[in-house]
Amino acid sequence: MIQPKTERIAIIIIVSALVIGNIFFGFYYFSNSKELETLKSADSKAQVNEKVLNFASLFIKEVLQANIEVNFETRLTLENAVRDLKDAEIMTEWQNFTGSQTEAGAQNSVKKLLGILITKIQK
């Protein structure tokens, strides 16, 4: 039979071990949750960069390097790609480009749009 004093010491040791374990696993959980948040943020940024790169590539290929007038389907594809970015600044400059009345205005809008795209990729 276990004596009351030995029983009490055993309970204190068990409770202490459980408390220390909880502290350890709590710290481990919070440190991993911060790391997970950082990884999610990096992944989200990579996805945005990929979309911006895809749009920039499509824009350069289909508009800037085009030898003929851009057809309706290409315009629609570009418009959908811009909307898919969900970026107000890019959308505004895209609308300025598509609404340009003169060639000089369109060229200026293209410069601004490409500058914005590069800035978004660098962030």
PDB file of N, CA and C in Angstrom:
ATOM      1  N   MET A   1       0.837  -1.173   0.000  1.00  0.00           N
ATOM      2  CA  MET A   1       0.000   0.000   0.000  1.00  0.00           C
ATOM      3  C   MET A   1       0.885   1.241   0.000  1.00  0.00           C
ATOM      4  N   ILE A   2       0.475   2.217  -0.816  1.00  0.00           N
ATOM      5  CA  ILE A   2       1.238   3.459  -0.925  1.00  0.00           C
ATOM      6  C   ILE A   2       0.892   4.356   0.250  1.00  0.00           C
ATOM      7  N   GLN A   3       1.914   4.950   0.791  1.00  0.00           N
ATOM      8  CA  GLN A   3       1.690   5.849   1.917  1.00  0.00           C
ATOM      9  C   GLN A   3       1.168   7.182   1.398  1.00  0.00           C
ATOM     10  N   PRO A   4       0.393   7.912   2.230  1.00  0.00           N
ATOM     11  CA  PRO A   4      -0.197   9.178   1.807  1.00  0.00           C
ATOM     12  C   PRO A   4       0.846  10.194   1.342  1.00  0.00           C
ATOM     13  N   LYS A   5       2.004  10.264   1.989  1.00  0.00           N
ATOM     14  CA  LYS A   5       3.024  11.231   1.609  1.00  0.00           C
ATOM     15  C   LYS A   5       3.594  10.877   0.232  1.00  0.00           C
ATOM     16  N   THR A   6       3.848   9.632  -0.027  1.00  0.00           N
ATOM     17  CA  THR A   6       4.366   9.179  -1.314  1.00  0.00           C
ATOM     18  C   THR A   6       3.312   9.387  -2.402  1.00  0.00           C
ATOM     19  N   GLU A   7       2.083   9.133  -2.053  1.00  0.00           N
ATOM     20  CA  GLU A   7       0.978   9.335  -2.996  1.00  0.00           C
ATOM     21  C   GLU A   7       0.875  10.806  -3.383  1.00  0.00           C
ATOM     22  N   ARG A   8       0.997  11.678  -2.418  1.00  0.00           N
ATOM     23  CA  ARG A   8       0.921  13.121  -2.651  1.00  0.00           C
ATOM     24  C   ARG A   8       2.079  13.574  -3.551  1.00  0.00           C
ATOM     25  N   ILE A   9       3.281  13.078  -3.311  1.00  0.00           N
ATOM     26  CA  ILE A   9       4.447  13.430  -4.132  1.00  0.00           C
ATOM     27  C   ILE A   9       4.239  12.934  -5.567  1.00  0.00           C
ATOM     28  N   ALA A  10       3.708  11.735  -5.721  1.00  0.00           N
ATOM     29  CA  ALA A  10       3.452  11.184  -7.054  1.00  0.00           C
ATOM     30  C   ALA A  10       2.438  12.049  -7.803  1.00  0.00           C
ATOM     31  N   ILE A  11       1.394  12.492  -7.121  1.00  0.00           N
ATOM     32  CA  ILE A  11       0.377  13.351  -7.745  1.00  0.00           C
ATOM     33  C   ILE A  11       0.992  14.686  -8.146  1.00  0.00           C
ATOM     34  N   ILE A  12       1.816  15.262  -7.277  1.00  0.00           N
ATOM     35  CA  ILE A  12       2.472  16.543  -7.582  1.00  0.00           C
ATOM     36  C   ILE A  12       3.382  16.389  -8.800  1.00  0.00           C
ATOM     37  N   ILE A  13       4.120  15.288  -8.871  1.00  0.00           N
ATOM     38  CA  ILE A  13       5.007  15.047 -10.015  1.00  0.00           C
ATOM     39  C   ILE A  13       4.198  14.893 -11.302  1.00  0.00           C
ATOM     40  N   ILE A  14       3.115  14.147 -11.239  1.00  0.00           N
ATOM     41  CA  ILE A  14       2.273  13.937 -12.427  1.00  0.00           C
ATOM     42  C   ILE A  14       1.643  15.250 -12.886  1.00  0.00           C
ATOM     43  N   VAL A  15       1.088  16.017 -11.938  1.00  0.00           N
ATOM     44  CA  VAL A  15       0.460  17.302 -12.283  1.00  0.00           C
ATOM     45  C   VAL A  15       1.510  18.254 -12.849  1.00  0.00           C
ATOM     46  N   SER A  16       2.686  18.296 -12.240  1.00  0.00           N
ATOM     47  CA  SER A  16       3.763  19.165 -12.733  1.00  0.00           C
ATOM     48  C   SER A  16       4.168  18.770 -14.150  1.00  0.00           C
ATOM     49  N   ALA A  17       4.292  17.473 -14.391  1.00  0.00           N
ATOM     50  CA  ALA A  17       4.654  16.998 -15.729  1.00  0.00           C
ATOM     51  C   ALA A  17       3.582  17.387 -16.749  1.00  0.00           C
ATOM     52  N   LEU A  18       2.323  17.286 -16.358  1.00  0.00           N
ATOM     53  CA  LEU A  18       1.231  17.668 -17.262  1.00  0.00           C
ATOM     54  C   LEU A  18       1.239  19.167 -17.542  1.00  0.00           C
ATOM     55  N   VAL A  19       1.476  19.976 -16.522  1.00  0.00           N
ATOM     56  CA  VAL A  19       1.528  21.434 -16.705  1.00  0.00           C
ATOM     57  C   VAL A  19       2.696  21.805 -17.614  1.00  0.00           C
ATOM     58  N   ILE A  20       3.865  21.214 -17.358  1.00  0.00           N
ATOM     59  CA  ILE A  20       5.035  21.489 -18.198  1.00  0.00           C
ATOM     60  C   ILE A  20       4.775  21.037 -19.637  1.00  0.00           C
ATOM     61  N   GLY A  21       4.140  19.893 -19.798  1.00  0.00           N
ATOM     62  CA  GLY A  21       3.787  19.412 -21.137  1.00  0.00           C
ATOM     63  C   GLY A  21       2.840  20.363 -21.842  1.00  0.00           C
ATOM     64  N   ASN A  22       1.840  20.862 -21.117  1.00  0.00           N
ATOM     65  CA  ASN A  22       0.898  21.816 -21.711  1.00  0.00           C
ATOM     66  C   ASN A  22       1.605  23.100 -22.128  1.00  0.00           C
ATOM     67  N   ILE A  23       2.503  23.585 -21.289  1.00  0.00           N
ATOM     68  CA  ILE A  23       3.253  24.799 -21.625  1.00  0.00           C
ATOM     69  C   ILE A  23       4.099  24.554 -22.874  1.00  0.00           C
ATOM     70  N   PHE A  24       4.792  23.425 -22.911  1.00  0.00           N
ATOM     71  CA  PHE A  24       5.631  23.091 -24.063  1.00  0.00           C
ATOM     72  C   PHE A  24       4.803  23.009 -25.345  1.00  0.00           C
ATOM     73  N   PHE A  25       3.710  22.250 -25.298  1.00  0.00           N
ATOM     74  CA  PHE A  25       2.897  22.086 -26.498  1.00  0.00           C
ATOM     75  C   PHE A  25       2.171  23.376 -26.876  1.00  0.00           C
ATOM     76  N   GLY A  26       1.808  24.193 -25.894  1.00  0.00           N
ATOM     77  CA  GLY A  26       1.206  25.492 -26.190  1.00  0.00           C
ATOM     78  C   GLY A  26       2.190  26.388 -26.922  1.00  0.00           C
ATOM     79  N   PHE A  27       3.420  26.442 -26.431  1.00  0.00           N
ATOM     80  CA  PHE A  27       4.461  27.233 -27.096  1.00  0.00           C
ATOM     81  C   PHE A  27       4.707  26.704 -28.506  1.00  0.00           C
ATOM     82  N   TYR A  28       4.790  25.395 -28.638  1.00  0.00           N
ATOM     83  CA  TYR A  28       5.014  24.761 -29.934  1.00  0.00           C
ATOM     84  C   TYR A  28       3.873  25.090 -30.902  1.00  0.00           C
ATOM     85  N   TYR A  29       2.649  25.050 -30.411  1.00  0.00           N
ATOM     86  CA  TYR A  29       1.474  25.355 -31.234  1.00  0.00           C
ATOM     87  C   TYR A  29       1.527  26.796 -31.739  1.00  0.00           C
ATOM     88  N   PHE A  30       1.774  27.749 -30.838  1.00  0.00           N
ATOM     89  CA  PHE A  30       1.783  29.152 -31.241  1.00  0.00           C
ATOM     90  C   PHE A  30       2.954  29.466 -32.168  1.00  0.00           C
ATOM     91  N   SER A  31       4.090  28.851 -31.943  1.00  0.00           N
ATOM     92  CA  SER A  31       5.221  29.099 -32.836  1.00  0.00           C
ATOM     93  C   SER A  31       4.934  28.524 -34.222  1.00  0.00           C
ATOM     94  N   ASN A  32       4.312  27.364 -34.286  1.00  0.00           N
ATOM     95  CA  ASN A  32       3.959  26.776 -35.581  1.00  0.00           C
ATOM     96  C   ASN A  32       2.843  27.546 -36.267  1.00  0.00           C
ATOM     97  N   SER A  33       1.905  28.091 -35.502  1.00  0.00           N
ATOM     98  CA  SER A  33       0.825  28.855 -36.128  1.00  0.00           C
ATOM     99  C   SER A  33       1.368  30.139 -36.750  1.00  0.00           C
ATOM    100  N   LYS A  34       2.357  30.766 -36.122  1.00  0.00           N
ATOM    101  CA  LYS A  34       2.969  31.963 -36.718  1.00  0.00           C
ATOM    102  C   LYS A  34       3.720  31.600 -37.994  1.00  0.00           C
ATOM    103  N   GLU A  35       4.430  30.485 -37.961  1.00  0.00           N
ATOM    104  CA  GLU A  35       5.156  30.038 -39.146  1.00  0.00           C
ATOM    105  C   GLU A  35       4.181  29.702 -40.273  1.00  0.00           C
ATOM    106  N   LEU A  36       3.075  29.074 -39.934  1.00  0.00           N
ATOM    107  CA  LEU A  36       2.055  28.742 -40.925  1.00  0.00           C
ATOM    108  C   LEU A  36       1.478  30.010 -41.544  1.00  0.00           C
ATOM    109  N   GLU A  37       1.223  31.006 -40.723  1.00  0.00           N
ATOM    110  CA  GLU A  37       0.696  32.279 -41.216  1.00  0.00           C
ATOM    111  C   GLU A  37       1.685  32.930 -42.186  1.00  0.00           C
ATOM    112  N   THR A  38       2.959  32.872 -41.855  1.00  0.00           N
ATOM    113  CA  THR A  38       3.992  33.420 -42.733  1.00  0.00           C
ATOM    114  C   THR A  38       4.022  32.676 -44.064  1.00  0.00           C
ATOM    115  N   LEU A  39       3.917  31.364 -44.009  1.00  0.00           N
ATOM    116  CA  LEU A  39       3.919  30.562 -45.232  1.00  0.00           C
ATOM    117  C   LEU A  39       2.683  30.832 -46.085  1.00  0.00           C
ATOM    118  N   LYS A  40       1.533  30.997 -45.436  1.00  0.00           N
ATOM    119  CA  LYS A  40       0.307  31.313 -46.180  1.00  0.00           C
ATOM    120  C   LYS A  40       0.436  32.662 -46.865  1.00  0.00           C
ATOM    121  N   SER A  41       1.005  33.628 -46.162  1.00  0.00           N
ATOM    122  CA  SER A  41       1.204  34.956 -46.731  1.00  0.00           C
ATOM    123  C   SER A  41       2.130  34.896 -47.941  1.00  0.00           C
ATOM    124  N   ALA A  42       3.215  34.148 -47.815  1.00  0.00           N
ATOM    125  CA  ALA A  42       4.159  34.007 -48.926  1.00  0.00           C
ATOM    126  C   ALA A  42       3.497  33.307 -50.110  1.00  0.00           C
ATOM    127  N   ASP A  43       2.686  32.301 -49.837  1.00  0.00           N
ATOM    128  CA  ASP A  43       1.991  31.578 -50.897  1.00  0.00           C
ATOM    129  C   ASP A  43       0.988  32.485 -51.599  1.00  0.00           C
ATOM    130  N   SER A  44       0.280  33.276 -50.814  1.00  0.00           N
ATOM    131  CA  SER A  44      -0.694  34.209 -51.378  1.00  0.00           C
ATOM    132  C   SER A  44       0.006  35.220 -52.282  1.00  0.00           C
ATOM    133  N   LYS A  45       1.143  35.729 -51.821  1.00  0.00           N
ATOM    134  CA  LYS A  45       1.907  36.688 -52.615  1.00  0.00           C
ATOM    135  C   LYS A  45       2.393  36.040 -53.904  1.00  0.00           C
ATOM    136  N   ALA A  46       2.840  34.802 -53.817  1.00  0.00           N
ATOM    137  CA  ALA A  46       3.318  34.086 -55.005  1.00  0.00           C
ATOM    138  C   ALA A  46       2.186  33.893 -56.011  1.00  0.00           C
ATOM    139  N   GLN A  47       0.984  33.614 -55.522  1.00  0.00           N
ATOM    140  CA  GLN A  47      -0.156  33.440 -56.419  1.00  0.00           C
ATOM    141  C   GLN A  47      -0.508  34.752 -57.112  1.00  0.00           C
ATOM    142  N   VAL A  48      -0.467  35.857 -56.357  1.00  0.00           N
ATOM    143  CA  VAL A  48      -0.748  37.167 -56.946  1.00  0.00           C
ATOM    144  C   VAL A  48       0.317  37.499 -57.980  1.00  0.00           C
ATOM    145  N   ASN A  49       1.583  37.278 -57.636  1.00  0.00           N
ATOM    146  CA  ASN A  49       2.666  37.543 -58.580  1.00  0.00           C
ATOM    147  C   ASN A  49       2.511  36.715 -59.850  1.00  0.00           C
ATOM    148  N   GLU A  50       2.096  35.472 -59.701  1.00  0.00           N
ATOM    149  CA  GLU A  50       1.906  34.617 -60.867  1.00  0.00           C
ATOM    150  C   GLU A  50       0.802  35.174 -61.765  1.00  0.00           C
ATOM    151  N   LYS A  51      -0.291  35.628 -61.169  1.00  0.00           N
ATOM    152  CA  LYS A  51      -1.386  36.199 -61.959  1.00  0.00           C
ATOM    153  C   LYS A  51      -0.940  37.472 -62.665  1.00  0.00           C
ATOM    154  N   VAL A  52      -0.202  38.324 -61.944  1.00  0.00           N
ATOM    155  CA  VAL A  52       0.283  39.569 -62.542  1.00  0.00           C
ATOM    156  C   VAL A  52       1.254  39.254 -63.678  1.00  0.00           C
ATOM    157  N   LEU A  53       2.148  38.301 -63.461  1.00  0.00           N
ATOM    158  CA  LEU A  53       3.091  37.900 -64.515  1.00  0.00           C
ATOM    159  C   LEU A  53       2.366  37.336 -65.731  1.00  0.00           C
ATOM    160  N   ASN A  54       1.358  36.512 -65.492  1.00  0.00           N
ATOM    161  CA  ASN A  54       0.591  35.941 -66.605  1.00  0.00           C
ATOM    162  C   ASN A  54      -0.102  37.032 -67.406  1.00  0.00           C
ATOM    163  N   PHE A  55      -0.703  38.000 -66.694  1.00  0.00           N
ATOM    164  CA  PHE A  55      -1.365  39.095 -67.398  1.00  0.00           C
ATOM    165  C   PHE A  55      -0.347  39.924 -68.172  1.00  0.00           C
ATOM    166  N   ALA A  56       0.774  40.269 -67.531  1.00  0.00           N
ATOM    167  CA  ALA A  56       1.798  41.077 -68.198  1.00  0.00           C
ATOM    168  C   ALA A  56       2.313  40.364 -69.448  1.00  0.00           C
ATOM    169  N   SER A  57       2.550  39.079 -69.337  1.00  0.00           N
ATOM    170  CA  SER A  57       3.027  38.300 -70.479  1.00  0.00           C
ATOM    171  C   SER A  57       1.992  38.287 -71.603  1.00  0.00           C
ATOM    172  N   LEU A  58       0.746  38.058 -71.241  1.00  0.00           N
ATOM    173  CA  LEU A  58      -0.338  38.050 -72.227  1.00  0.00           C
ATOM    174  C   LEU A  58      -0.477  39.419 -72.889  1.00  0.00           C
ATOM    175  N   PHE A  59      -0.411  40.476 -72.097  1.00  0.00           N
ATOM    176  CA  PHE A  59      -0.535  41.843 -72.607  1.00  0.00           C
ATOM    177  C   PHE A  59       0.597  42.152 -73.589  1.00  0.00           C
ATOM    178  N   ILE A  60       1.811  41.815 -73.207  1.00  0.00           N
ATOM    179  CA  ILE A  60       2.958  42.084 -74.079  1.00  0.00           C
ATOM    180  C   ILE A  60       2.842  41.283 -75.373  1.00  0.00           C
ATOM    181  N   LYS A  61       2.502  40.011 -75.242  1.00  0.00           N
ATOM    182  CA  LYS A  61       2.423  39.135 -76.414  1.00  0.00           C
ATOM    183  C   LYS A  61       1.288  39.537 -77.352  1.00  0.00           C
ATOM    184  N   GLU A  62       0.107  39.773 -76.791  1.00  0.00           N
ATOM    185  CA  GLU A  62      -1.088  39.980 -77.619  1.00  0.00           C
ATOM    186  C   GLU A  62      -1.319  41.433 -78.041  1.00  0.00           C
ATOM    187  N   VAL A  63      -0.765  42.387 -77.290  1.00  0.00           N
ATOM    188  CA  VAL A  63      -1.011  43.793 -77.619  1.00  0.00           C
ATOM    189  C   VAL A  63       0.254  44.462 -78.141  1.00  0.00           C
ATOM    190  N   LEU A  64       1.298  44.435 -77.346  1.00  0.00           N
ATOM    191  CA  LEU A  64       2.500  45.179 -77.720  1.00  0.00           C
ATOM    192  C   LEU A  64       3.241  44.555 -78.899  1.00  0.00           C
ATOM    193  N   GLN A  65       3.230  43.238 -79.001  1.00  0.00           N
ATOM    194  CA  GLN A  65       3.936  42.578 -80.097  1.00  0.00           C
ATOM    195  C   GLN A  65       3.016  42.223 -81.263  1.00  0.00           C
ATOM    196  N   ALA A  66       1.786  42.676 -81.213  1.00  0.00           N
ATOM    197  CA  ALA A  66       0.820  42.346 -82.266  1.00  0.00           C
ATOM    198  C   ALA A  66       1.131  43.137 -83.534  1.00  0.00           C
ATOM    199  N   ASN A  67       1.023  42.469 -84.666  1.00  0.00           N
ATOM    200  CA  ASN A  67       1.226  43.122 -85.961  1.00  0.00           C
ATOM    201  C   ASN A  67      -0.096  43.565 -86.571  1.00  0.00           C
ATOM    202  N   ILE A  68      -1.186  43.063 -86.013  1.00  0.00           N
ATOM    203  CA  ILE A  68      -2.513  43.415 -86.502  1.00  0.00           C
ATOM    204  C   ILE A  68      -3.332  43.957 -85.336  1.00  0.00           C
ATOM    205  N   GLU A  69      -4.514  44.461 -85.658  1.00  0.00           N
ATOM    206  CA  GLU A  69      -5.392  44.981 -84.606  1.00  0.00           C
ATOM    207  C   GLU A  69      -5.833  43.836 -83.689  1.00  0.00           C
ATOM    208  N   VAL A  70      -5.934  44.147 -82.406  1.00  0.00           N
ATOM    209  CA  VAL A  70      -6.313  43.146 -81.408  1.00  0.00           C
ATOM    210  C   VAL A  70      -7.784  42.790 -81.601  1.00  0.00           C
ATOM    211  N   ASN A  71      -8.088  41.493 -81.719  1.00  0.00           N
ATOM    212  CA  ASN A  71      -9.469  41.068 -81.957  1.00  0.00           C
ATOM    213  C   ASN A  71     -10.284  41.054 -80.656  1.00  0.00           C
ATOM    214  N   PHE A  72     -11.576  40.838 -80.808  1.00  0.00           N
ATOM    215  CA  PHE A  72     -12.495  40.895 -79.669  1.00  0.00           C
ATOM    216  C   PHE A  72     -12.179  39.829 -78.625  1.00  0.00           C
ATOM    217  N   GLU A  73     -11.897  38.615 -79.075  1.00  0.00           N
ATOM    218  CA  GLU A  73     -11.617  37.526 -78.122  1.00  0.00           C
ATOM    219  C   GLU A  73     -10.385  37.824 -77.276  1.00  0.00           C
ATOM    220  N   THR A  74      -9.365  38.387 -77.894  1.00  0.00           N
ATOM    221  CA  THR A  74      -8.148  38.741 -77.151  1.00  0.00           C
ATOM    222  C   THR A  74      -8.451  39.839 -76.145  1.00  0.00           C
ATOM    223  N   ARG A  75      -9.233  40.827 -76.567  1.00  0.00           N
ATOM    224  CA  ARG A  75      -9.627  41.902 -75.635  1.00  0.00           C
ATOM    225  C   ARG A  75     -10.395  41.340 -74.451  1.00  0.00           C
ATOM    226  N   LEU A  76     -11.296  40.416 -74.741  1.00  0.00           N
ATOM    227  CA  LEU A  76     -12.086  39.802 -73.674  1.00  0.00           C
ATOM    228  C   LEU A  76     -11.191  38.997 -72.730  1.00  0.00           C
ATOM    229  N   THR A  77     -10.250  38.262 -73.281  1.00  0.00           N
ATOM    230  CA  THR A  77      -9.306  37.496 -72.458  1.00  0.00           C
ATOM    231  C   THR A  77      -8.495  38.423 -71.564  1.00  0.00           C
ATOM    232  N   LEU A  78      -8.011  39.517 -72.133  1.00  0.00           N
ATOM    233  CA  LEU A  78      -7.237  40.490 -71.346  1.00  0.00           C
ATOM    234  C   LEU A  78      -8.101  41.133 -70.267  1.00  0.00           C
ATOM    235  N   GLU A  79      -9.321  41.488 -70.622  1.00  0.00           N
ATOM    236  CA  GLU A  79     -10.237  42.105 -69.650  1.00  0.00           C
ATOM    237  C   GLU A  79     -10.508  41.153 -68.487  1.00  0.00           C
ATOM    238  N   ASN A  80     -10.756  39.890 -68.804  1.00  0.00           N
ATOM    239  CA  ASN A  80     -10.989  38.899 -67.742  1.00  0.00           C
ATOM    240  C   ASN A  80      -9.747  38.692 -66.882  1.00  0.00           C
ATOM    241  N   ALA A  81      -8.579  38.716 -67.508  1.00  0.00           N
ATOM    242  CA  ALA A  81      -7.329  38.562 -66.752  1.00  0.00           C
ATOM    243  C   ALA A  81      -7.133  39.736 -65.799  1.00  0.00           C
ATOM    244  N   VAL A  82      -7.468  40.939 -66.250  1.00  0.00           N
ATOM    245  CA  VAL A  82      -7.351  42.126 -65.380  1.00  0.00           C
ATOM    246  C   VAL A  82      -8.325  42.015 -64.219  1.00  0.00           C
ATOM    247  N   ARG A  83      -9.546  41.640 -64.499  1.00  0.00           N
ATOM    248  CA  ARG A  83     -10.544  41.516 -63.423  1.00  0.00           C
ATOM    249  C   ARG A  83     -10.159  40.417 -62.431  1.00  0.00           C
ATOM    250  N   ASP A  84      -9.534  39.361 -62.929  1.00  0.00           N
ATOM    251  CA  ASP A  84      -9.115  38.256 -62.067  1.00  0.00           C
ATOM    252  C   ASP A  84      -8.025  38.686 -61.080  1.00  0.00           C
ATOM    253  N   LEU A  85      -7.276  39.727 -61.418  1.00  0.00           N
ATOM    254  CA  LEU A  85      -6.238  40.230 -60.510  1.00  0.00           C
ATOM    255  C   LEU A  85      -6.839  40.861 -59.254  1.00  0.00           C
ATOM    256  N   LYS A  86      -8.050  41.401 -59.374  1.00  0.00           N
ATOM    257  CA  LYS A  86      -8.739  42.049 -58.244  1.00  0.00           C
ATOM    258  C   LYS A  86      -7.871  43.144 -57.623  1.00  0.00           C
ATOM    259  N   ASP A  87      -7.275  43.948 -58.495  1.00  0.00           N
ATOM    260  CA  ASP A  87      -6.420  45.043 -58.051  1.00  0.00           C
ATOM    261  C   ASP A  87      -6.966  46.339 -58.648  1.00  0.00           C
ATOM    262  N   ALA A  88      -7.387  47.246 -57.778  1.00  0.00           N
ATOM    263  CA  ALA A  88      -8.031  48.481 -58.225  1.00  0.00           C
ATOM    264  C   ALA A  88      -7.086  49.355 -59.045  1.00  0.00           C
ATOM    265  N   GLU A  89      -5.839  49.431 -58.639  1.00  0.00           N
ATOM    266  CA  GLU A  89      -4.876  50.288 -59.338  1.00  0.00           C
ATOM    267  C   GLU A  89      -4.634  49.801 -60.769  1.00  0.00           C
ATOM    268  N   ILE A  90      -4.453  48.502 -60.920  1.00  0.00           N
ATOM    269  CA  ILE A  90      -4.245  47.935 -62.261  1.00  0.00           C
ATOM    270  C   ILE A  90      -5.509  48.100 -63.096  1.00  0.00           C
ATOM    271  N   MET A  91      -6.656  47.862 -62.486  1.00  0.00           N
ATOM    272  CA  MET A  91      -7.931  47.989 -63.202  1.00  0.00           C
ATOM    273  C   MET A  91      -8.150  49.419 -63.688  1.00  0.00           C
ATOM    274  N   THR A  92      -7.845  50.389 -62.840  1.00  0.00           N
ATOM    275  CA  THR A  92      -8.010  51.798 -63.216  1.00  0.00           C
ATOM    276  C   THR A  92      -7.123  52.146 -64.404  1.00  0.00           C
ATOM    277  N   GLU A  93      -5.877  51.735 -64.351  1.00  0.00           N
ATOM    278  CA  GLU A  93      -4.964  52.042 -65.461  1.00  0.00           C
ATOM    279  C   GLU A  93      -5.358  51.282 -66.724  1.00  0.00           C
ATOM    280  N   TRP A  94      -5.882  50.068 -66.562  1.00  0.00           N
ATOM    281  CA  TRP A  94      -6.372  49.311 -67.715  1.00  0.00           C
ATOM    282  C   TRP A  94      -7.531  50.062 -68.374  1.00  0.00           C
ATOM    283  N   GLN A  95      -8.432  50.575 -67.567  1.00  0.00           N
ATOM    284  CA  GLN A  95      -9.564  51.336 -68.108  1.00  0.00           C
ATOM    285  C   GLN A  95      -9.088  52.617 -68.788  1.00  0.00           C
ATOM    286  N   ASN A  96      -8.063  53.255 -68.225  1.00  0.00           N
ATOM    287  CA  ASN A  96      -7.484  54.430 -68.879  1.00  0.00           C
ATOM    288  C   ASN A  96      -6.908  54.048 -70.242  1.00  0.00           C
ATOM    289  N   PHE A  97      -6.249  52.901 -70.302  1.00  0.00           N
ATOM    290  CA  PHE A  97      -5.667  52.433 -71.562  1.00  0.00           C
ATOM    291  C   PHE A  97      -6.755  52.139 -72.588  1.00  0.00           C
ATOM    292  N   THR A  98      -7.760  51.376 -72.184  1.00  0.00           N
ATOM    293  CA  THR A  98      -8.808  51.002 -73.143  1.00  0.00           C
ATOM    294  C   THR A  98      -9.680  52.188 -73.537  1.00  0.00           C
ATOM    295  N   GLY A  99      -9.729  53.198 -72.687  1.00  0.00           N
ATOM    296  CA  GLY A  99     -10.532  54.375 -72.998  1.00  0.00           C
ATOM    297  C   GLY A  99      -9.755  55.493 -73.667  1.00  0.00           C
ATOM    298  N   SER A 100      -8.503  55.249 -73.989  1.00  0.00           N
ATOM    299  CA  SER A 100      -7.662  56.286 -74.605  1.00  0.00           C
ATOM    300  C   SER A 100      -8.226  56.688 -75.960  1.00  0.00           C
ATOM    301  N   GLN A 101      -8.251  57.999 -76.200  1.00  0.00           N
ATOM    302  CA  GLN A 101      -8.777  58.520 -77.460  1.00  0.00           C
ATOM    303  C   GLN A 101      -7.683  58.692 -78.514  1.00  0.00           C
ATOM    304  N   THR A 102      -6.453  58.871 -78.053  1.00  0.00           N
ATOM    305  CA  THR A 102      -5.352  59.105 -78.983  1.00  0.00           C
ATOM    306  C   THR A 102      -4.275  58.041 -78.797  1.00  0.00           C
ATOM    307  N   GLU A 103      -3.412  57.938 -79.804  1.00  0.00           N
ATOM    308  CA  GLU A 103      -2.311  56.982 -79.713  1.00  0.00           C
ATOM    309  C   GLU A 103      -1.331  57.394 -78.616  1.00  0.00           C
ATOM    310  N   ALA A 104      -1.101  58.696 -78.488  1.00  0.00           N
ATOM    311  CA  ALA A 104      -0.191  59.187 -77.443  1.00  0.00           C
ATOM    312  C   ALA A 104      -0.749  58.870 -76.058  1.00  0.00           C
ATOM    313  N   GLY A 105      -2.053  59.029 -75.892  1.00  0.00           N
ATOM    314  CA  GLY A 105      -2.686  58.701 -74.614  1.00  0.00           C
ATOM    315  C   GLY A 105      -2.586  57.216 -74.306  1.00  0.00           C
ATOM    316  N   ALA A 106      -2.764  56.393 -75.331  1.00  0.00           N
ATOM    317  CA  ALA A 106      -2.658  54.943 -75.152  1.00  0.00           C
ATOM    318  C   ALA A 106      -1.226  54.551 -74.792  1.00  0.00           C
ATOM    319  N   GLN A 107      -0.251  55.166 -75.451  1.00  0.00           N
ATOM    320  CA  GLN A 107       1.152  54.865 -75.146  1.00  0.00           C
ATOM    321  C   GLN A 107       1.498  55.256 -73.713  1.00  0.00           C
ATOM    322  N   ASN A 108       1.001  56.405 -73.288  1.00  0.00           N
ATOM    323  CA  ASN A 108       1.246  56.852 -71.915  1.00  0.00           C
ATOM    324  C   ASN A 108       0.608  55.883 -70.914  1.00  0.00           C
ATOM    325  N   SER A 109      -0.603  55.440 -71.210  1.00  0.00           N
ATOM    326  CA  SER A 109      -1.288  54.484 -70.333  1.00  0.00           C
ATOM    327  C   SER A 109      -0.558  53.144 -70.288  1.00  0.00           C
ATOM    328  N   VAL A 110      -0.014  52.720 -71.420  1.00  0.00           N
ATOM    329  CA  VAL A 110       0.743  51.465 -71.454  1.00  0.00           C
ATOM    330  C   VAL A 110       1.974  51.576 -70.563  1.00  0.00           C
ATOM    331  N   LYS A 111       2.676  52.701 -70.643  1.00  0.00           N
ATOM    332  CA  LYS A 111       3.857  52.907 -69.794  1.00  0.00           C
ATOM    333  C   LYS A 111       3.479  52.831 -68.320  1.00  0.00           C
ATOM    334  N   LYS A 112       2.394  53.510 -67.968  1.00  0.00           N
ATOM    335  CA  LYS A 112       1.949  53.498 -66.570  1.00  0.00           C
ATOM    336  C   LYS A 112       1.525  52.092 -66.146  1.00  0.00           C
ATOM    337  N   LEU A 113       0.785  51.409 -67.015  1.00  0.00           N
ATOM    338  CA  LEU A 113       0.308  50.058 -66.701  1.00  0.00           C
ATOM    339  C   LEU A 113       1.476  49.096 -66.491  1.00  0.00           C
ATOM    340  N   LEU A 114       2.449  49.137 -67.376  1.00  0.00           N
ATOM    341  CA  LEU A 114       3.614  48.258 -67.222  1.00  0.00           C
ATOM    342  C   LEU A 114       4.406  48.606 -65.965  1.00  0.00           C
ATOM    343  N   GLY A 115       4.501  49.896 -65.651  1.00  0.00           N
ATOM    344  CA  GLY A 115       5.176  50.313 -64.417  1.00  0.00           C
ATOM    345  C   GLY A 115       4.469  49.773 -63.184  1.00  0.00           C
ATOM    346  N   ILE A 116       3.150  49.838 -63.188  1.00  0.00           N
ATOM    347  CA  ILE A 116       2.362  49.318 -62.060  1.00  0.00           C
ATOM    348  C   ILE A 116       2.551  47.803 -61.940  1.00  0.00           C
ATOM    349  N   LEU A 117       2.516  47.108 -63.071  1.00  0.00           N
ATOM    350  CA  LEU A 117       2.687  45.651 -63.051  1.00  0.00           C
ATOM    351  C   LEU A 117       4.053  45.264 -62.485  1.00  0.00           C
ATOM    352  N   ILE A 118       5.094  45.955 -62.902  1.00  0.00           N
ATOM    353  CA  ILE A 118       6.439  45.662 -62.390  1.00  0.00           C
ATOM    354  C   ILE A 118       6.508  45.937 -60.897  1.00  0.00           C
ATOM    355  N   THR A 119       5.901  47.036 -60.461  1.00  0.00           N
ATOM    356  CA  THR A 119       5.895  47.373 -59.032  1.00  0.00           C
ATOM    357  C   THR A 119       5.176  46.296 -58.230  1.00  0.00           C
ATOM    358  N   LYS A 120       4.056  45.801 -58.744  1.00  0.00           N
ATOM    359  CA  LYS A 120       3.296  44.754 -58.045  1.00  0.00           C
ATOM    360  C   LYS A 120       4.104  43.460 -57.948  1.00  0.00           C
ATOM    361  N   ILE A 121       4.843  43.151 -58.985  1.00  0.00           N
ATOM    362  CA  ILE A 121       5.644  41.925 -58.979  1.00  0.00           C
ATOM    363  C   ILE A 121       6.782  42.036 -57.970  1.00  0.00           C
ATOM    364  N   GLN A 122       7.370  43.225 -57.859  1.00  0.00           N
ATOM    365  CA  GLN A 122       8.505  43.421 -56.952  1.00  0.00           C
ATOM    366  C   GLN A 122       8.108  43.388 -55.487  1.00  0.00           C
ATOM    367  N   LYS A 123       6.862  43.671 -55.171  1.00  0.00           N
ATOM    368  CA  LYS A 123       6.432  43.720 -53.764  1.00  0.00           C
ATOM    369  C   LYS A 123       6.393  42.357 -53.153  1.00  0.00           C
TER     370      LYS A 123
END
